[in-house]
C-alpha atoms as a PDB file:
ATOM      1  CA  MET A   1     -13.960  -8.021 -25.431  1.00  0.00           C
ATOM      2  CA  LEU A   2     -14.130  -8.998 -22.126  1.00  0.00           C
ATOM      3  CA  GLU A   3     -11.352 -11.208 -23.200  1.00  0.00           C
ATOM      4  CA  LYS A   4      -9.182  -8.254 -24.363  1.00  0.00           C
ATOM      5  CA  LYS A   5     -10.325  -5.894 -20.729  1.00  0.00           C
ATOM      6  CA  ARG A   6      -9.089  -9.165 -19.141  1.00  0.00           C
ATOM      7  CA  GLU A   7      -5.835  -8.119 -21.111  1.00  0.00           C
ATOM      8  CA  GLU A   8      -6.043  -5.384 -19.674  1.00  0.00           C
ATOM      9  CA  ILE A   9      -6.768  -6.940 -15.656  1.00  0.00           C
ATOM     10  CA  ASN A  10      -3.235  -8.391 -16.415  1.00  0.00           C
ATOM     11  CA  GLU A  11      -1.350  -5.669 -17.126  1.00  0.00           C
ATOM     12  CA  ILE A  12      -2.695  -3.302 -15.092  1.00  0.00           C
ATOM     13  CA  ASP A  13      -1.651  -5.999 -12.199  1.00  0.00           C
ATOM     14  CA  GLN A  14       1.539  -7.053 -13.540  1.00  0.00           C
ATOM     15  CA  GLN A  15       2.647  -3.567 -13.119  1.00  0.00           C
ATOM     16  CA  LEU A  16       0.821  -3.428  -9.546  1.00  0.00           C
ATOM     17  CA  ILE A  17       3.165  -6.313  -8.283  1.00  0.00           C
ATOM     18  CA  GLN A  18       5.930  -4.322  -9.543  1.00  0.00           C
ATOM     19  CA  LEU A  19       5.206  -1.339  -7.234  1.00  0.00           C
ATOM     20  CA  LEU A  20       4.007  -3.193  -4.120  1.00  0.00           C
ATOM     21  CA  GLU A  21       7.402  -5.429  -4.236  1.00  0.00           C
ATOM     22  CA  LYS A  22       9.095  -1.978  -4.370  1.00  0.00           C
ATOM     23  CA  ARG A  23       7.027  -0.166  -1.842  1.00  0.00           C
ATOM     24  CA  LEU A  24       7.701  -3.659   0.271  1.00  0.00           C
ATOM     25  CA  ALA A  25      11.857  -3.055  -0.645  1.00  0.00           C
ATOM     26  CA  VAL A  26      11.506  -0.393   1.093  1.00  0.00           C
ATOM     27  CA  VAL A  27       9.176  -1.276   3.957  1.00  0.00           C
ATOM     28  CA  SER A  28      11.695  -2.980   4.626  1.00  0.00           C
ATOM     29  CA  GLU A  29      14.574  -1.064   5.267  1.00  0.00           C
ATOM     30  CA  ILE A  30      11.815   1.558   6.959  1.00  0.00           C
ATOM     31  CA  GLY A  31      11.944  -2.033  10.074  1.00  0.00           C
ATOM     32  CA  GLN A  32      15.349  -2.362  10.029  1.00  0.00           C
ATOM     33  CA  ILE A  33      15.713   1.818  11.101  1.00  0.00           C
ATOM     34  CA  LYS A  34      12.966   1.043  12.750  1.00  0.00           C
ATOM     35  CA  GLN A  35      14.921  -1.416  15.166  1.00  0.00           C
ATOM     36  CA  GLN A  36      18.093   0.255  15.078  1.00  0.00           C
ATOM     37  CA  GLN A  37      16.520   3.110  16.916  1.00  0.00           C
ATOM     38  CA  ASN A  38      13.725   1.582  19.162  1.00  0.00           C
ATOM     39  CA  LEU A  39      10.866   2.848  17.279  1.00  0.00           C
ATOM     40  CA  SER A  40       7.580   0.610  17.462  1.00  0.00           C
ATOM     41  CA  VAL A  41       6.448  -0.885  14.106  1.00  0.00           C
ATOM     42  CA  LEU A  42       2.821   0.728  14.801  1.00  0.00           C
ATOM     43  CA  ASP A  43       2.615   4.988  14.026  1.00  0.00           C
ATOM     44  CA  ARG A  44      -0.871   5.689  13.571  1.00  0.00           C
ATOM     45  CA  GLN A  45      -0.413   9.505  12.510  1.00  0.00           C
ATOM     46  CA  ARG A  46       1.554   7.939   9.690  1.00  0.00           C
ATOM     47  CA  GLU A  47      -1.114   5.372   8.988  1.00  0.00           C
ATOM     48  CA  GLN A  48      -3.777   8.670   9.609  1.00  0.00           C
ATOM     49  CA  ALA A  49      -1.714  10.545   7.161  1.00  0.00           C
ATOM     50  CA  VAL A  50      -1.158   8.228   4.509  1.00  0.00           C
ATOM     51  CA  LEU A  51      -5.419   7.010   4.650  1.00  0.00           C
ATOM     52  CA  ASP A  52      -5.663  11.109   4.571  1.00  0.00           C
ATOM     53  CA  GLN A  53      -3.442  11.201   1.116  1.00  0.00           C
ATOM     54  CA  VAL A  54      -5.322   8.268  -0.115  1.00  0.00           C
ATOM     55  CA  ASN A  55      -8.456  10.104  -0.180  1.00  0.00           C
ATOM     56  CA  ARG A  56      -7.144  13.248  -1.778  1.00  0.00           C
ATOM     57  CA  TRP A  57      -5.371  11.520  -4.297  1.00  0.00           C
ATOM     58  CA  THR A  58      -8.777   9.392  -5.147  1.00  0.00           C
ATOM     59  CA  GLN A  59      -9.932  10.782  -7.718  1.00  0.00           C
ATOM     60  CA  ASN A  60     -13.527   8.773  -8.377  1.00  0.00           C
ATOM     61  CA  GLU A  61     -15.807   8.411  -4.912  1.00  0.00           C
ATOM     62  CA  ASP A  62     -16.434   5.692  -5.957  1.00  0.00           C
ATOM     63  CA  TYR A  63     -13.971   4.390  -5.800  1.00  0.00           C
ATOM     64  CA  ARG A  64     -11.750   5.631  -2.157  1.00  0.00           C
ATOM     65  CA  LEU A  65     -13.776   3.702   0.479  1.00  0.00           C
ATOM     66  CA  PRO A  66     -12.692   0.040  -1.253  1.00  0.00           C
ATOM     67  CA  ILE A  67      -9.345   1.958  -1.846  1.00  0.00           C
ATOM     68  CA  GLN A  68      -9.084   3.613   1.524  1.00  0.00           C
ATOM     69  CA  LYS A  69      -9.432  -0.096   2.200  1.00  0.00           C
ATOM     70  CA  ILE A  70      -5.906  -2.251   0.383  1.00  0.00           C
ATOM     71  CA  MET A  71      -4.170   0.558   1.489  1.00  0.00           C
ATOM     72  CA  GLN A  72      -4.945  -0.088   4.903  1.00  0.00           C
ATOM     73  CA  LYS A  73      -4.340  -3.471   3.727  1.00  0.00           C
ATOM     74  CA  ILE A  74      -1.195  -3.210   2.893  1.00  0.00           C
ATOM     75  CA  MET A  75      -0.221  -1.380   5.547  1.00  0.00           C
ATOM     76  CA  ASP A  76      -1.211  -4.796   7.537  1.00  0.00           C
ATOM     77  CA  GLU A  77       1.259  -6.880   5.758  1.00  0.00           C
ATOM     78  CA  SER A  78       3.755  -4.405   5.898  1.00  0.00           C
ATOM     79  CA  LYS A  79       3.055  -4.240   9.442  1.00  0.00           C
ATOM     80  CA  LEU A  80       3.854  -7.504   9.663  1.00  0.00           C
ATOM     81  CA  LEU A  81       6.694  -7.755   7.592  1.00  0.00           C
ATOM     82  CA  GLN A  82       8.858  -4.993   9.865  1.00  0.00           C
ATOM     83  CA  ILE A  83       8.244  -7.566  12.879  1.00  0.00           C
END
């Protein structure tokens, strides 16, 4: 039973990694556009909009805060990639 659930987690992790790689590729492109247009990497309004979306999309209230923290970390790492 435990091993079966761990296999399920491994499959989900693989999907997450694939999606994160896609997201980071787009983030890199956005970074290039921001450089060309002399725009700041930091866009607080955009970050807040993303977190607001996360709150709307998260169906289970118990997961809202952890997911919000994960998305904030993803955005923090994304900003570093754009520098």
